[in-house]
Amino acid sequence: MSRVTCQQSYLSINAKHFELSAICLFVGAFIYKMTNLILLICVFSFQTHPWGIVGFTGRDYTRLRNGTFRYKPSVNPDMSMVLTNAAFVHKEYLRMYTYSMDSRISDLVTELFNCEDIAMNFLIAYFCQCESAYLVSSAGMVNLGIKKGIWTRPGHTYKRHQCVDTFAKVYGRMPLHKKVTKRL
């Protein structure tokens, strides 16, 4: 087993992506303990769904009567995003996120120190113009960093509301699809 150590010279919400192979990236913010079976299921799921984002935790959005969009932090059957606290994406999406994504989006992510996962989901959904989120069961996986995430900070959900609405405006439409493909 090989070990990869990554160091960065400054703290950035945009710097949590690690290349695992020539094709896919594992995107992670927390330390996870998972079984080999779960990891294999993820890799297989990514191989059968390489244009999307494959992960364990889904979220959604809602549209209000006034036309604005809001983030839905609760888990429900109709998800449209996969959180990048543990997810696989094609390496081309990281290149696009880093070099091609609209600066209004990356600037807001940096300013709020939040929403990089939402930005990645928007980018992928906009680019593939398809159902881009793919959930894998998280049974057999333990998040060792769950009590210290940025979601515990005051104003976290409000910032995510702001991001969902702003990103939809930047893209000129809501690119996320309400239905998520699920796999055990």
Protein backbone atom coordinates (compact mmCIF):
# COMPACT_ATOMS: atom_id res chain seq x y z
CA MET A 1 0.00 0.00 0.00
CA SER A 2 1.37 3.40 -0.93
CA ARG A 3 0.77 6.57 1.02
CA VAL A 4 0.47 10.03 -0.47
CA THR A 5 1.12 13.12 1.62
CA CYS A 6 -0.09 16.50 0.39
CA GLN A 7 1.06 19.80 1.85
CA GLN A 8 -0.18 23.24 0.97
CA SER A 9 1.38 26.57 1.84
CA TYR A 10 -1.93 28.34 2.57
CA LEU A 11 -5.40 27.42 3.76
CA SER A 12 -7.84 27.18 0.85
CA ILE A 13 -11.28 25.62 0.58
CA ASN A 14 -10.51 24.96 -3.11
CA ALA A 15 -7.50 22.71 -2.37
CA LYS A 16 -9.03 19.42 -1.23
CA HIS A 17 -8.78 17.37 -4.42
CA PHE A 18 -6.38 14.44 -4.73
CA GLU A 19 -5.55 12.53 -7.92
CA LEU A 20 -5.83 8.75 -7.54
CA SER A 21 -5.37 7.66 -11.13
CA ALA A 22 -5.07 9.04 -14.63
CA ILE A 23 -8.84 9.34 -14.88
CA CYS A 24 -10.50 9.93 -11.53
CA LEU A 25 -9.96 12.06 -8.47
CA PHE A 26 -11.01 11.37 -4.93
CA VAL A 27 -12.29 14.59 -3.43
CA GLY A 28 -12.31 14.66 0.35
CA ALA A 29 -12.50 17.12 3.21
CA PHE A 30 -12.58 14.79 6.20
CA ILE A 31 -10.77 11.67 7.25
CA TYR A 32 -12.78 8.56 6.45
CA LYS A 33 -12.45 4.98 7.49
CA MET A 34 -14.12 2.69 4.95
CA THR A 35 -14.14 -0.94 4.03
CA ASN A 36 -12.42 -2.19 0.88
CA LEU A 37 -15.84 -3.22 -0.43
CA ILE A 38 -17.19 0.34 -0.17
CA LEU A 39 -14.12 1.68 -1.96
CA LEU A 40 -14.49 -0.94 -4.72
CA ILE A 41 -18.19 -0.12 -5.13
CA CYS A 42 -17.26 3.56 -5.50
CA VAL A 43 -14.61 2.85 -8.10
CA PHE A 44 -17.01 0.58 -10.02
CA SER A 45 -19.75 3.20 -9.77
CA PHE A 46 -17.38 5.85 -11.09
CA GLN A 47 -16.35 3.59 -13.97
CA THR A 48 -20.00 3.19 -14.98
CA HIS A 49 -20.81 6.87 -14.37
CA PRO A 50 -17.59 8.78 -15.28
CA TRP A 51 -19.33 11.94 -16.50
CA GLY A 52 -20.88 12.57 -13.07
CA ILE A 53 -19.92 12.84 -9.45
CA VAL A 54 -20.02 9.67 -7.33
CA GLY A 55 -20.27 10.02 -3.57
CA PHE A 56 -21.96 9.10 -0.34
CA THR A 57 -23.93 12.13 0.84
CA GLY A 58 -26.62 13.86 -1.22
CA ARG A 59 -28.29 17.25 -0.87
CA ASP A 60 -30.90 19.20 -2.81
CA TYR A 61 -32.21 22.69 -3.55
CA THR A 62 -35.64 24.25 -3.73
CA ARG A 63 -37.05 27.14 -5.74
CA LEU A 64 -39.02 29.76 -3.82
CA ARG A 65 -42.10 31.58 -5.14
CA ASN A 66 -40.03 34.69 -5.83
CA GLY A 67 -37.80 32.64 -8.18
CA THR A 68 -34.74 32.43 -5.93
CA PHE A 69 -33.09 29.13 -5.13
CA ARG A 70 -32.28 27.77 -1.68
CA TYR A 71 -30.05 24.97 -0.46
CA LYS A 72 -31.80 22.05 1.27
CA PRO A 73 -29.49 20.64 3.93
CA SER A 74 -31.78 17.78 4.89
CA VAL A 75 -31.58 14.33 3.37
CA ASN A 76 -34.58 13.40 1.23
CA PRO A 77 -35.28 11.01 -1.65
CA ASP A 78 -34.90 13.63 -4.42
CA MET A 79 -31.28 14.72 -4.32
CA SER A 80 -29.55 16.85 -6.93
CA MET A 81 -26.03 17.20 -5.50
CA VAL A 82 -23.36 14.98 -4.00
CA LEU A 83 -21.31 16.50 -1.20
CA THR A 84 -17.59 16.34 -1.88
CA ASN A 85 -16.65 15.34 1.64
CA ALA A 86 -15.96 11.95 0.00
CA ALA A 87 -16.58 11.68 -3.75
CA PHE A 88 -15.06 10.65 -7.07
CA VAL A 89 -14.98 12.95 -10.09
CA HIS A 90 -13.25 12.86 -13.47
CA LYS A 91 -9.95 14.73 -13.36
CA GLU A 92 -11.10 16.96 -16.23
CA TYR A 93 -13.67 18.52 -13.88
CA LEU A 94 -10.91 19.57 -11.50
CA ARG A 95 -9.07 21.21 -14.40
CA MET A 96 -12.28 23.00 -15.37
CA TYR A 97 -12.96 23.97 -11.74
CA THR A 98 -9.46 25.39 -11.38
CA TYR A 99 -8.95 27.07 -14.76
CA SER A 100 -12.29 27.51 -16.57
CA MET A 101 -14.98 28.09 -13.97
CA ASP A 102 -16.47 31.58 -13.94
CA SER A 103 -14.44 33.76 -11.55
CA ARG A 104 -17.64 35.04 -9.90
CA ILE A 105 -18.19 31.51 -8.60
CA SER A 106 -14.62 30.84 -7.44
CA ASP A 107 -14.44 34.30 -5.86
CA LEU A 108 -17.64 33.68 -3.88
CA VAL A 109 -16.34 30.27 -2.73
CA THR A 110 -13.13 31.91 -1.53
CA GLU A 111 -14.94 34.85 0.09
CA LEU A 112 -17.41 32.65 2.00
CA PHE A 113 -14.93 29.81 2.64
CA ASN A 114 -17.82 27.55 1.69
CA CYS A 115 -19.72 26.02 -1.25
CA GLU A 116 -16.84 24.43 -3.21
CA ASP A 117 -18.90 21.23 -3.35
CA ILE A 118 -21.94 23.08 -4.67
CA ALA A 119 -19.74 24.82 -7.25
CA MET A 120 -18.36 21.44 -8.40
CA ASN A 121 -21.89 19.99 -8.72
CA PHE A 122 -23.07 22.99 -10.75
CA LEU A 123 -20.04 22.79 -13.04
CA ILE A 124 -20.50 19.04 -13.65
CA ALA A 125 -24.27 19.30 -14.20
CA TYR A 126 -23.86 22.28 -16.53
CA PHE A 127 -21.11 20.61 -18.53
CA CYS A 128 -22.71 17.17 -18.95
CA GLN A 129 -26.30 18.51 -19.15
CA CYS A 130 -27.46 15.28 -17.58
CA GLU A 131 -28.29 13.70 -14.27
CA SER A 132 -24.83 14.09 -12.78
CA ALA A 133 -25.14 13.01 -9.14
CA TYR A 134 -24.65 9.35 -8.24
CA LEU A 135 -25.03 8.13 -4.66
CA VAL A 136 -23.41 5.07 -3.11
CA SER A 137 -24.52 3.64 0.24
CA SER A 138 -22.33 4.85 3.08
CA ALA A 139 -22.82 1.67 5.12
CA GLY A 140 -19.42 0.43 6.22
CA MET A 141 -17.91 3.92 6.22
CA VAL A 142 -17.11 6.12 9.23
CA ASN A 143 -16.52 9.87 8.98
CA LEU A 144 -13.91 10.62 11.64
CA GLY A 145 -14.15 14.39 11.13
CA ILE A 146 -17.92 14.88 11.31
CA LYS A 147 -17.95 17.05 14.44
CA LYS A 148 -15.44 19.60 13.14
CA GLY A 149 -16.69 20.44 9.64
CA ILE A 150 -17.46 23.93 8.35
CA TRP A 151 -21.15 22.97 8.54
CA THR A 152 -20.91 23.49 12.34
CA ARG A 153 -20.07 27.19 11.94
CA PRO A 154 -22.73 29.89 12.36
CA GLY A 155 -24.26 31.04 9.07
CA HIS A 156 -23.24 27.92 7.14
CA THR A 157 -26.69 27.18 5.67
CA TYR A 158 -27.31 30.84 4.82
CA LYS A 159 -24.03 30.96 2.88
CA ARG A 160 -25.09 27.86 0.96
CA HIS A 161 -28.47 29.46 0.12
CA GLN A 162 -26.52 32.42 -1.26
CA CYS A 163 -24.27 30.14 -3.32
CA VAL A 164 -27.07 28.09 -4.90
CA ASP A 165 -28.95 31.20 -5.95
CA THR A 166 -25.84 33.05 -7.19
CA PHE A 167 -24.50 30.05 -9.13
CA ALA A 168 -27.85 29.57 -10.89
CA LYS A 169 -27.74 33.23 -11.92
CA VAL A 170 -24.15 32.96 -13.16
CA TYR A 171 -25.00 29.88 -15.27
CA GLY A 172 -28.19 31.54 -16.52
CA ARG A 173 -30.34 28.62 -15.36
CA MET A 174 -30.50 25.87 -12.76
CA PRO A 175 -28.32 23.07 -14.20
CA LEU A 176 -28.90 20.59 -11.36
CA HIS A 177 -31.34 17.75 -11.95
CA LYS A 178 -33.71 16.78 -9.15
CA LYS A 179 -33.33 13.05 -9.63
CA VAL A 180 -30.19 11.29 -8.46
CA THR A 181 -29.14 7.85 -9.62
CA LYS A 182 -28.71 5.60 -6.59
CA ARG A 183 -26.74 2.42 -6.16
CA LEU A 184 -26.18 0.16 -3.18
